[in-house]
């Protein structure tokens, strides 16, 4: 297939592009930064400026990853987050309509659920976003559904849960913990450490994306690894064990963390049964193996 990936120079985007090239697909990245990858074409593009978005006619699929990322970042820059994430998806969808693109994969987020009423979280659970980022992803999802109804373009929407792996920004907890542990520095846990997450290694997310590109169903899927939920305190200790570090764990009150939030969402664990049954997706990389792979990538960098 001929695939156009917005935000393909980012963390997940680069891993997806490598996988698409390995499978023999023709890949073009549209981004503000050149991914500098062999076998991948590049178009300099800003999703907020429609005039920079190329003609997408002839592309079989578009994967939309470009966005302002992160809850903390969105709270510092709320209007920018809404402008980029909402205008951006609208501009890309307009280009898809004009180019008669057949299929569209939109990456949403577990942030749309906010603090869930129950765990694990199902796709039909209520939205309760607590950040501009979560709000922007809900709007993006609705845009995709409306365009599909009016144009016939097929889609899948992925709500991603705690993705990690090589190349991720150190502002996220997993790469930050691994880097600090490998330097034998203190790992700082915000709050009491009882916040629960289900971390999913990036190669598993990419596998799910490949399945979704090949089989658009007009469906929404939770994508994550529901088999190993872990508290942030236990995650810190596991990272120290796996990396054979002498680091210690230090707790900092949320109000003293400087992150501008009173507290994290406490429990974020996906129900991935729908993705398993309809897509055939199941996460394969366990938490210990994923931490070890991430540590190896840091050593090799």
C-alpha atoms as a PDB file:
ATOM      1  CA  UNK A   1       0.000   0.000   0.000  1.00  0.00           C
ATOM      2  CA  UNK A   2       0.867   3.658  -0.245  1.00  0.00           C
ATOM      3  CA  UNK A   3       0.699   5.116   3.274  1.00  0.00           C
ATOM      4  CA  UNK A   4       0.941   8.732   4.455  1.00  0.00           C
ATOM      5  CA  UNK A   5       1.953   9.191   8.108  1.00  0.00           C
ATOM      6  CA  UNK A   6       1.497  12.560   9.801  1.00  0.00           C
ATOM      7  CA  UNK A   7       3.857  13.037  12.722  1.00  0.00           C
ATOM      8  CA  UNK A   8       6.014  10.252  11.347  1.00  0.00           C
ATOM      9  CA  UNK A   9       9.168  11.846  12.789  1.00  0.00           C
ATOM     10  CA  UNK A  10       7.899  11.337  16.336  1.00  0.00           C
ATOM     11  CA  UNK A  11       8.306   8.480  18.776  1.00  0.00           C
ATOM     12  CA  UNK A  12       5.540   6.133  17.620  1.00  0.00           C
ATOM     13  CA  UNK A  13       5.677   7.426  14.051  1.00  0.00           C
ATOM     14  CA  UNK A  14       9.264   6.358  13.467  1.00  0.00           C
ATOM     15  CA  UNK A  15       8.596   2.854  14.783  1.00  0.00           C
ATOM     16  CA  UNK A  16       5.514   2.573  12.571  1.00  0.00           C
ATOM     17  CA  UNK A  17       7.371   3.785   9.474  1.00  0.00           C
ATOM     18  CA  UNK A  18      10.156   1.246  10.004  1.00  0.00           C
ATOM     19  CA  UNK A  19       7.565  -1.521  10.233  1.00  0.00           C
ATOM     20  CA  UNK A  20       5.680  -0.356   7.146  1.00  0.00           C
ATOM     21  CA  UNK A  21       8.894  -0.246   5.115  1.00  0.00           C
ATOM     22  CA  UNK A  22       9.851  -3.726   6.319  1.00  0.00           C
ATOM     23  CA  UNK A  23       6.492  -4.982   5.064  1.00  0.00           C
ATOM     24  CA  UNK A  24       7.162  -3.462   1.640  1.00  0.00           C
ATOM     25  CA  UNK A  25       4.753  -0.520   1.756  1.00  0.00           C
ATOM     26  CA  UNK A  26       5.490   2.871   0.221  1.00  0.00           C
ATOM     27  CA  UNK A  27       5.704   5.395   3.066  1.00  0.00           C
ATOM     28  CA  UNK A  28       5.609   9.188   3.092  1.00  0.00           C
ATOM     29  CA  UNK A  29       6.036  11.208   6.282  1.00  0.00           C
ATOM     30  CA  UNK A  30       4.397  14.598   6.665  1.00  0.00           C
ATOM     31  CA  UNK A  31       5.917  16.489   9.586  1.00  0.00           C
ATOM     32  CA  UNK A  32       7.669  19.681  10.618  1.00  0.00           C
ATOM     33  CA  UNK A  33      10.860  17.612  11.078  1.00  0.00           C
ATOM     34  CA  UNK A  34      12.580  15.274   8.646  1.00  0.00           C
ATOM     35  CA  UNK A  35      12.706  11.726  10.072  1.00  0.00           C
ATOM     36  CA  UNK A  36      15.941  11.046   8.127  1.00  0.00           C
ATOM     37  CA  UNK A  37      14.958   7.432   7.519  1.00  0.00           C
ATOM     38  CA  UNK A  38      16.050   5.211   4.652  1.00  0.00           C
ATOM     39  CA  UNK A  39      13.212   4.132   2.392  1.00  0.00           C
ATOM     40  CA  UNK A  40      10.827   6.862   3.585  1.00  0.00           C
ATOM     41  CA  UNK A  41       9.812   9.951   1.613  1.00  0.00           C
ATOM     42  CA  UNK A  42       9.404  13.243   3.464  1.00  0.00           C
ATOM     43  CA  UNK A  43       7.104  16.227   2.954  1.00  0.00           C
ATOM     44  CA  UNK A  44       7.682  19.281   5.196  1.00  0.00           C
ATOM     45  CA  UNK A  45       4.237  19.998   6.577  1.00  0.00           C
ATOM     46  CA  UNK A  46       2.414  21.813   9.378  1.00  0.00           C
ATOM     47  CA  UNK A  47      -1.041  20.346  10.068  1.00  0.00           C
ATOM     48  CA  UNK A  48      -2.336  23.782  11.135  1.00  0.00           C
ATOM     49  CA  UNK A  49      -1.515  25.224   7.693  1.00  0.00           C
ATOM     50  CA  UNK A  50      -3.654  23.529   5.013  1.00  0.00           C
ATOM     51  CA  UNK A  51      -1.543  24.982   2.204  1.00  0.00           C
ATOM     52  CA  UNK A  52       1.417  22.832   3.364  1.00  0.00           C
ATOM     53  CA  UNK A  53      -0.526  19.554   3.283  1.00  0.00           C
ATOM     54  CA  UNK A  54       0.143  17.716   0.006  1.00  0.00           C
ATOM     55  CA  UNK A  55      -2.398  16.257  -2.370  1.00  0.00           C
ATOM     56  CA  UNK A  56      -3.214  12.855  -0.874  1.00  0.00           C
ATOM     57  CA  UNK A  57      -4.766  11.372  -3.983  1.00  0.00           C
ATOM     58  CA  UNK A  58      -3.314   7.935  -4.645  1.00  0.00           C
ATOM     59  CA  UNK A  59      -2.655   7.109  -1.002  1.00  0.00           C
ATOM     60  CA  UNK A  60      -4.425   4.003   0.249  1.00  0.00           C
ATOM     61  CA  UNK A  61      -4.161   4.939   3.914  1.00  0.00           C
ATOM     62  CA  UNK A  62      -3.401   7.901   6.169  1.00  0.00           C
ATOM     63  CA  UNK A  63      -2.202   7.459   9.755  1.00  0.00           C
ATOM     64  CA  UNK A  64      -2.693  10.616  11.808  1.00  0.00           C
ATOM     65  CA  UNK A  65      -0.172  10.850  14.653  1.00  0.00           C
ATOM     66  CA  UNK A  66       0.751  14.543  14.545  1.00  0.00           C
ATOM     67  CA  UNK A  67      -0.406  16.413  17.655  1.00  0.00           C
ATOM     68  CA  UNK A  68       0.599  18.466  20.646  1.00  0.00           C
ATOM     69  CA  UNK A  69       1.337  15.651  23.098  1.00  0.00           C
ATOM     70  CA  UNK A  70       1.142  15.179  26.830  1.00  0.00           C
ATOM     71  CA  UNK A  71      -1.193  16.229  29.611  1.00  0.00           C
ATOM     72  CA  UNK A  72       1.296  18.536  31.336  1.00  0.00           C
ATOM     73  CA  UNK A  73       2.169  20.187  28.027  1.00  0.00           C
ATOM     74  CA  UNK A  74      -1.500  20.705  27.186  1.00  0.00           C
ATOM     75  CA  UNK A  75      -2.170  22.302  30.568  1.00  0.00           C
ATOM     76  CA  UNK A  76       0.692  24.756  30.057  1.00  0.00           C
ATOM     77  CA  UNK A  77      -0.482  25.526  26.518  1.00  0.00           C
ATOM     78  CA  UNK A  78      -4.230  24.786  26.463  1.00  0.00           C
ATOM     79  CA  UNK A  79      -5.254  26.937  23.501  1.00  0.00           C
ATOM     80  CA  UNK A  80      -2.290  25.796  21.410  1.00  0.00           C
ATOM     81  CA  UNK A  81      -3.222  22.174  22.145  1.00  0.00           C
ATOM     82  CA  UNK A  82      -6.819  22.703  21.082  1.00  0.00           C
ATOM     83  CA  UNK A  83      -5.827  24.679  17.987  1.00  0.00           C
ATOM     84  CA  UNK A  84      -3.212  22.200  16.757  1.00  0.00           C
ATOM     85  CA  UNK A  85      -4.993  18.970  17.612  1.00  0.00           C
ATOM     86  CA  UNK A  86      -8.465  20.004  16.474  1.00  0.00           C
ATOM     87  CA  UNK A  87      -7.594  22.174  13.454  1.00  0.00           C
ATOM     88  CA  UNK A  88      -4.918  19.669  12.487  1.00  0.00           C
ATOM     89  CA  UNK A  89      -7.209  16.661  12.244  1.00  0.00           C
ATOM     90  CA  UNK A  90      -9.816  18.745  10.393  1.00  0.00           C
ATOM     91  CA  UNK A  91      -7.223  19.872   7.836  1.00  0.00           C
ATOM     92  CA  UNK A  92      -5.917  16.350   7.285  1.00  0.00           C
ATOM     93  CA  UNK A  93      -9.437  14.981   6.920  1.00  0.00           C
ATOM     94  CA  UNK A  94     -10.263  17.657   4.326  1.00  0.00           C
ATOM     95  CA  UNK A  95      -7.220  16.544   2.323  1.00  0.00           C
ATOM     96  CA  UNK A  96      -8.333  12.919   2.661  1.00  0.00           C
ATOM     97  CA  UNK A  97     -11.773  13.812   1.300  1.00  0.00           C
ATOM     98  CA  UNK A  98     -10.285  15.716  -1.635  1.00  0.00           C
ATOM     99  CA  UNK A  99      -7.866  12.864  -2.358  1.00  0.00           C
ATOM    100  CA  UNK A 100     -10.490  10.122  -1.907  1.00  0.00           C
ATOM    101  CA  UNK A 101      -8.302   8.302   0.618  1.00  0.00           C
ATOM    102  CA  UNK A 102      -9.686   4.853   1.346  1.00  0.00           C
ATOM    103  CA  UNK A 103      -8.774   4.374   5.000  1.00  0.00           C
ATOM    104  CA  UNK A 104      -7.774   6.452   8.015  1.00  0.00           C
ATOM    105  CA  UNK A 105      -6.195   5.537  11.362  1.00  0.00           C
ATOM    106  CA  UNK A 106      -6.586   8.123  14.107  1.00  0.00           C
ATOM    107  CA  UNK A 107      -4.551   7.905  17.302  1.00  0.00           C
ATOM    108  CA  UNK A 108      -6.619   9.037  20.240  1.00  0.00           C
ATOM    109  CA  UNK A 109      -5.748   8.554  23.908  1.00  0.00           C
ATOM    110  CA  UNK A 110      -6.838   6.980  27.176  1.00  0.00           C
ATOM    111  CA  UNK A 111      -7.013  10.582  28.419  1.00  0.00           C
ATOM    112  CA  UNK A 112     -10.532  10.795  26.969  1.00  0.00           C
ATOM    113  CA  UNK A 113     -11.790   8.682  29.886  1.00  0.00           C
ATOM    114  CA  UNK A 114     -10.332  10.832  32.670  1.00  0.00           C
ATOM    115  CA  UNK A 115     -10.721   9.174  36.072  1.00  0.00           C
ATOM    116  CA  UNK A 116     -12.712   6.046  35.175  1.00  0.00           C
ATOM    117  CA  UNK A 117     -15.763   4.846  37.054  1.00  0.00           C
ATOM    118  CA  UNK A 118     -14.404   1.297  36.740  1.00  0.00           C
ATOM    119  CA  UNK A 119     -11.357  -0.627  35.612  1.00  0.00           C
ATOM    120  CA  UNK A 120     -10.495  -2.114  33.282  1.00  0.00           C
ATOM    121  CA  UNK A 121     -11.871   0.617  31.014  1.00  0.00           C
ATOM    122  CA  UNK A 122     -14.081  -0.399  28.080  1.00  0.00           C
ATOM    123  CA  UNK A 123     -14.527   1.520  24.849  1.00  0.00           C
ATOM    124  CA  UNK A 124     -18.182   2.278  25.679  1.00  0.00           C
ATOM    125  CA  UNK A 125     -17.388   3.819  29.074  1.00  0.00           C
ATOM    126  CA  UNK A 126     -18.148   7.491  29.652  1.00  0.00           C
ATOM    127  CA  UNK A 127     -15.805  10.298  28.657  1.00  0.00           C
ATOM    128  CA  UNK A 128     -14.577  12.414  31.553  1.00  0.00           C
ATOM    129  CA  UNK A 129     -11.470  14.263  30.304  1.00  0.00           C
ATOM    130  CA  UNK A 130      -9.543  16.368  32.797  1.00  0.00           C
ATOM    131  CA  UNK A 131      -7.089  17.999  30.376  1.00  0.00           C
ATOM    132  CA  UNK A 132      -7.216  20.010  27.129  1.00  0.00           C
ATOM    133  CA  UNK A 133      -5.372  17.095  25.505  1.00  0.00           C
ATOM    134  CA  UNK A 134      -8.184  14.685  26.364  1.00  0.00           C
ATOM    135  CA  UNK A 135     -10.799  17.131  25.104  1.00  0.00           C
ATOM    136  CA  UNK A 136      -8.929  17.611  21.814  1.00  0.00           C
ATOM    137  CA  UNK A 137      -8.828  13.859  21.212  1.00  0.00           C
ATOM    138  CA  UNK A 138     -12.581  13.501  21.759  1.00  0.00           C
ATOM    139  CA  UNK A 139     -13.226  16.225  19.175  1.00  0.00           C
ATOM    140  CA  UNK A 140     -10.804  14.518  16.780  1.00  0.00           C
ATOM    141  CA  UNK A 141     -12.626  11.208  17.128  1.00  0.00           C
ATOM    142  CA  UNK A 142     -15.956  12.854  16.316  1.00  0.00           C
ATOM    143  CA  UNK A 143     -14.515  14.579  13.252  1.00  0.00           C
ATOM    144  CA  UNK A 144     -13.277  11.223  11.939  1.00  0.00           C
ATOM    145  CA  UNK A 145     -16.689   9.590  12.414  1.00  0.00           C
ATOM    146  CA  UNK A 146     -18.546  12.434  10.678  1.00  0.00           C
ATOM    147  CA  UNK A 147     -16.179  12.444   7.701  1.00  0.00           C
ATOM    148  CA  UNK A 148     -16.531   8.676   7.358  1.00  0.00           C
ATOM    149  CA  UNK A 149     -20.326   8.954   7.218  1.00  0.00           C
ATOM    150  CA  UNK A 150     -20.285  11.686   4.596  1.00  0.00           C
ATOM    151  CA  UNK A 151     -17.396  10.486   2.409  1.00  0.00           C
ATOM    152  CA  UNK A 152     -17.377   6.706   2.777  1.00  0.00           C
ATOM    153  CA  UNK A 153     -13.780   6.698   4.019  1.00  0.00           C
ATOM    154  CA  UNK A 154     -13.189   3.779   6.408  1.00  0.00           C
ATOM    155  CA  UNK A 155     -11.434   4.325   9.715  1.00  0.00           C
ATOM    156  CA  UNK A 156     -10.172   2.855  12.945  1.00  0.00           C
ATOM    157  CA  UNK A 157      -9.606   4.902  16.103  1.00  0.00           C
ATOM    158  CA  UNK A 158      -7.001   3.818  18.653  1.00  0.00           C
ATOM    159  CA  UNK A 159      -7.162   4.985  22.265  1.00  0.00           C
ATOM    160  CA  UNK A 160      -3.588   4.375  23.362  1.00  0.00           C
ATOM    161  CA  UNK A 161      -2.644   3.453  26.936  1.00  0.00           C
ATOM    162  CA  UNK A 162       0.805   4.273  28.364  1.00  0.00           C
ATOM    163  CA  UNK A 163       2.972   3.506  25.334  1.00  0.00           C
ATOM    164  CA  UNK A 164       6.747   3.399  25.897  1.00  0.00           C
ATOM    165  CA  UNK A 165       9.934   2.387  24.131  1.00  0.00           C
ATOM    166  CA  UNK A 166      13.138   3.632  22.493  1.00  0.00           C
ATOM    167  CA  UNK A 167      13.047   7.218  21.289  1.00  0.00           C
ATOM    168  CA  UNK A 168      10.362   8.443  23.681  1.00  0.00           C
ATOM    169  CA  UNK A 169      10.786  11.839  25.296  1.00  0.00           C
ATOM    170  CA  UNK A 170      12.200  11.740  28.858  1.00  0.00           C
ATOM    171  CA  UNK A 171       9.248  13.824  30.030  1.00  0.00           C
ATOM    172  CA  UNK A 172       7.336  10.527  30.171  1.00  0.00           C
ATOM    173  CA  UNK A 173       7.704   8.325  33.224  1.00  0.00           C
ATOM    174  CA  UNK A 174       9.190   5.149  31.751  1.00  0.00           C
ATOM    175  CA  UNK A 175      12.161   6.639  29.838  1.00  0.00           C
ATOM    176  CA  UNK A 176      12.783   9.014  32.736  1.00  0.00           C
ATOM    177  CA  UNK A 177      12.929   6.165  35.264  1.00  0.00           C
ATOM    178  CA  UNK A 178      15.173   4.031  33.047  1.00  0.00           C
ATOM    179  CA  UNK A 179      17.600   6.873  32.340  1.00  0.00           C
ATOM    180  CA  UNK A 180      17.864   7.803  36.031  1.00  0.00           C
ATOM    181  CA  UNK A 181      18.288   4.202  37.117  1.00  0.00           C
ATOM    182  CA  UNK A 182      21.080   3.633  34.634  1.00  0.00           C
ATOM    183  CA  UNK A 183      22.834   6.675  36.078  1.00  0.00           C
ATOM    184  CA  UNK A 184      22.190   5.383  39.633  1.00  0.00           C
ATOM    185  CA  UNK A 185      20.253   8.550  40.411  1.00  0.00           C
ATOM    186  CA  UNK A 186      17.141   8.888  42.570  1.00  0.00           C
ATOM    187  CA  UNK A 187      13.815   8.007  40.943  1.00  0.00           C
ATOM    188  CA  UNK A 188      11.186  10.568  41.950  1.00  0.00           C
ATOM    189  CA  UNK A 189       7.600   9.377  42.324  1.00  0.00           C
ATOM    190  CA  UNK A 190       4.928  12.071  42.377  1.00  0.00           C
ATOM    191  CA  UNK A 191       2.213  11.556  44.976  1.00  0.00           C
ATOM    192  CA  UNK A 192       1.947   8.339  46.973  1.00  0.00           C
ATOM    193  CA  UNK A 193       2.918   6.002  44.124  1.00  0.00           C
ATOM    194  CA  UNK A 194      -0.348   4.075  44.139  1.00  0.00           C
ATOM    195  CA  UNK A 195      -1.346   5.376  40.704  1.00  0.00           C
ATOM    196  CA  UNK A 196      -1.880   2.325  38.489  1.00  0.00           C
ATOM    197  CA  UNK A 197      -0.926   2.041  34.835  1.00  0.00           C
ATOM    198  CA  UNK A 198      -0.721  -0.677  32.180  1.00  0.00           C
ATOM    199  CA  UNK A 199       2.372   0.012  30.073  1.00  0.00           C
ATOM    200  CA  UNK A 200       2.470  -1.135  26.452  1.00  0.00           C
ATOM    201  CA  UNK A 201       5.718  -1.513  24.508  1.00  0.00           C
ATOM    202  CA  UNK A 202       5.784   0.430  21.255  1.00  0.00           C
ATOM    203  CA  UNK A 203       6.302  -2.612  19.006  1.00  0.00           C
ATOM    204  CA  UNK A 204       2.986  -4.021  20.220  1.00  0.00           C
ATOM    205  CA  UNK A 205       1.228  -0.748  19.369  1.00  0.00           C
ATOM    206  CA  UNK A 206       2.804  -0.808  15.908  1.00  0.00           C
ATOM    207  CA  UNK A 207       1.612  -4.393  15.384  1.00  0.00           C
ATOM    208  CA  UNK A 208      -1.919  -3.235  16.194  1.00  0.00           C
ATOM    209  CA  UNK A 209      -1.563  -0.331  13.754  1.00  0.00           C
ATOM    210  CA  UNK A 210      -0.504  -2.649  10.942  1.00  0.00           C
ATOM    211  CA  UNK A 211      -3.568  -4.797  11.579  1.00  0.00           C
ATOM    212  CA  UNK A 212      -5.825  -1.728  11.607  1.00  0.00           C
ATOM    213  CA  UNK A 213      -4.429  -0.273   8.382  1.00  0.00           C
ATOM    214  CA  UNK A 214      -5.099  -3.544   6.606  1.00  0.00           C
ATOM    215  CA  UNK A 215      -8.582  -3.952   8.042  1.00  0.00           C
ATOM    216  CA  UNK A 216     -10.467  -0.669   8.624  1.00  0.00           C
ATOM    217  CA  UNK A 217     -13.741  -1.410  10.426  1.00  0.00           C
ATOM    218  CA  UNK A 218     -15.141   1.979  11.488  1.00  0.00           C
ATOM    219  CA  UNK A 219     -14.453   1.006  15.086  1.00  0.00           C
ATOM    220  CA  UNK A 220     -12.819   2.404  18.230  1.00  0.00           C
ATOM    221  CA  UNK A 221     -10.276   0.256  20.071  1.00  0.00           C
ATOM    222  CA  UNK A 222      -8.415   0.450  23.353  1.00  0.00           C
ATOM    223  CA  UNK A 223      -4.795  -0.439  22.587  1.00  0.00           C
ATOM    224  CA  UNK A 224      -2.532  -1.356  25.476  1.00  0.00           C
ATOM    225  CA  UNK A 225      -1.193  -4.190  27.570  1.00  0.00           C
ATOM    226  CA  UNK A 226      -3.813  -5.118  30.147  1.00  0.00           C
ATOM    227  CA  UNK A 227      -1.944  -8.160  31.458  1.00  0.00           C
ATOM    228  CA  UNK A 228       0.510  -6.400  33.803  1.00  0.00           C
ATOM    229  CA  UNK A 229      -0.989  -3.369  35.571  1.00  0.00           C
ATOM    230  CA  UNK A 230       1.521  -1.849  37.975  1.00  0.00           C
ATOM    231  CA  UNK A 231       1.625   1.002  40.473  1.00  0.00           C
ATOM    232  CA  UNK A 232       4.151   3.754  39.812  1.00  0.00           C
ATOM    233  CA  UNK A 233       5.991   2.852  43.025  1.00  0.00           C
ATOM    234  CA  UNK A 234       6.329  -0.784  41.915  1.00  0.00           C
ATOM    235  CA  UNK A 235       7.338   0.350  38.441  1.00  0.00           C
ATOM    236  CA  UNK A 236      10.202   2.396  39.902  1.00  0.00           C
ATOM    237  CA  UNK A 237      11.390  -0.615  41.909  1.00  0.00           C
ATOM    238  CA  UNK A 238      11.102  -2.927  38.897  1.00  0.00           C
ATOM    239  CA  UNK A 239      13.151  -0.541  36.739  1.00  0.00           C
ATOM    240  CA  UNK A 240      15.837  -0.488  39.442  1.00  0.00           C
ATOM    241  CA  UNK A 241      15.845  -4.295  39.606  1.00  0.00           C
ATOM    242  CA  UNK A 242      15.943  -4.850  35.836  1.00  0.00           C
ATOM    243  CA  UNK A 243      18.743  -2.322  35.295  1.00  0.00           C
ATOM    244  CA  UNK A 244      20.653  -3.594  38.361  1.00  0.00           C
ATOM    245  CA  UNK A 245      20.804  -0.021  39.619  1.00  0.00           C
ATOM    246  CA  UNK A 246      21.716   1.315  43.053  1.00  0.00           C
ATOM    247  CA  UNK A 247      19.101   4.069  42.717  1.00  0.00           C
ATOM    248  CA  UNK A 248      16.666   4.897  45.501  1.00  0.00           C
ATOM    249  CA  UNK A 249      12.995   5.881  45.242  1.00  0.00           C
ATOM    250  CA  UNK A 250      11.895   9.262  46.583  1.00  0.00           C
ATOM    251  CA  UNK A 251       8.297  10.439  46.977  1.00  0.00           C
ATOM    252  CA  UNK A 252       7.314  14.049  46.268  1.00  0.00           C
ATOM    253  CA  UNK A 253       3.912  15.529  47.095  1.00  0.00           C
ATOM    254  CA  UNK A 254       1.963  16.308  43.947  1.00  0.00           C
ATOM    255  CA  UNK A 255       1.603  19.957  44.943  1.00  0.00           C
ATOM    256  CA  UNK A 256       5.407  20.173  45.279  1.00  0.00           C
ATOM    257  CA  UNK A 257       6.158  18.487  41.959  1.00  0.00           C
ATOM    258  CA  UNK A 258       5.962  21.666  39.876  1.00  0.00           C
ATOM    259  CA  UNK A 259       3.736  19.960  37.330  1.00  0.00           C
ATOM    260  CA  UNK A 260       0.754  22.248  37.929  1.00  0.00           C
ATOM    261  CA  UNK A 261      -1.648  19.368  38.673  1.00  0.00           C
ATOM    262  CA  UNK A 262      -3.247  18.445  41.972  1.00  0.00           C
ATOM    263  CA  UNK A 263      -2.902  14.753  41.252  1.00  0.00           C
ATOM    264  CA  UNK A 264      -2.655  12.158  38.520  1.00  0.00           C
ATOM    265  CA  UNK A 265      -5.530  10.074  37.276  1.00  0.00           C
ATOM    266  CA  UNK A 266      -5.192   7.160  39.646  1.00  0.00           C
ATOM    267  CA  UNK A 267      -6.229   4.104  37.646  1.00  0.00           C
ATOM    268  CA  UNK A 268      -5.773   3.666  33.912  1.00  0.00           C
ATOM    269  CA  UNK A 269      -6.065   0.046  32.816  1.00  0.00           C
ATOM    270  CA  UNK A 270      -7.623  -0.895  29.466  1.00  0.00           C
ATOM    271  CA  UNK A 271     -10.006  -3.657  28.592  1.00  0.00           C
ATOM    272  CA  UNK A 272      -8.516  -4.859  25.289  1.00  0.00           C
ATOM    273  CA  UNK A 273     -10.971  -7.671  24.582  1.00  0.00           C
ATOM    274  CA  UNK A 274     -12.539  -5.834  21.655  1.00  0.00           C
ATOM    275  CA  UNK A 275      -9.163  -5.383  19.935  1.00  0.00           C
ATOM    276  CA  UNK A 276      -8.355  -9.030  20.552  1.00  0.00           C
ATOM    277  CA  UNK A 277     -11.648 -10.288  19.134  1.00  0.00           C
ATOM    278  CA  UNK A 278     -11.982  -7.945  16.152  1.00  0.00           C
ATOM    279  CA  UNK A 279      -8.392  -7.054  15.213  1.00  0.00           C
ATOM    280  CA  UNK A 280      -6.609 -10.122  16.487  1.00  0.00           C
ATOM    281  CA  UNK A 281      -4.387  -7.913  18.631  1.00  0.00           C
ATOM    282  CA  UNK A 282      -2.668  -9.085  21.783  1.00  0.00           C
ATOM    283  CA  UNK A 283       0.314  -7.389  23.413  1.00  0.00           C
ATOM    284  CA  UNK A 284       3.338  -9.692  23.489  1.00  0.00           C
ATOM    285  CA  UNK A 285       6.116  -7.770  25.246  1.00  0.00           C
ATOM    286  CA  UNK A 286       6.033  -8.142  29.029  1.00  0.00           C
ATOM    287  CA  UNK A 287       6.962  -5.306  31.346  1.00  0.00           C
ATOM    288  CA  UNK A 288      10.344  -6.696  32.376  1.00  0.00           C
ATOM    289  CA  UNK A 289      11.330  -7.447  28.788  1.00  0.00           C
ATOM    290  CA  UNK A 290      10.212  -3.982  27.659  1.00  0.00           C
ATOM    291  CA  UNK A 291      12.245  -2.261  30.382  1.00  0.00           C
ATOM    292  CA  UNK A 292      15.260  -4.362  29.415  1.00  0.00           C
ATOM    293  CA  UNK A 293      14.870  -3.442  25.726  1.00  0.00           C
ATOM    294  CA  UNK A 294      14.566   0.228  26.592  1.00  0.00           C
ATOM    295  CA  UNK A 295      17.674   0.045  28.781  1.00  0.00           C
ATOM    296  CA  UNK A 296      19.601  -1.644  25.962  1.00  0.00           C
ATOM    297  CA  UNK A 297      18.619   1.148  23.587  1.00  0.00           C
ATOM    298  CA  UNK A 298      19.867   3.764  26.086  1.00  0.00           C
ATOM    299  CA  UNK A 299      23.182   1.922  26.418  1.00  0.00           C
ATOM    300  CA  UNK A 300      23.554   1.821  22.646  1.00  0.00           C
ATOM    301  CA  UNK A 301      22.713   5.486  22.088  1.00  0.00           C
END
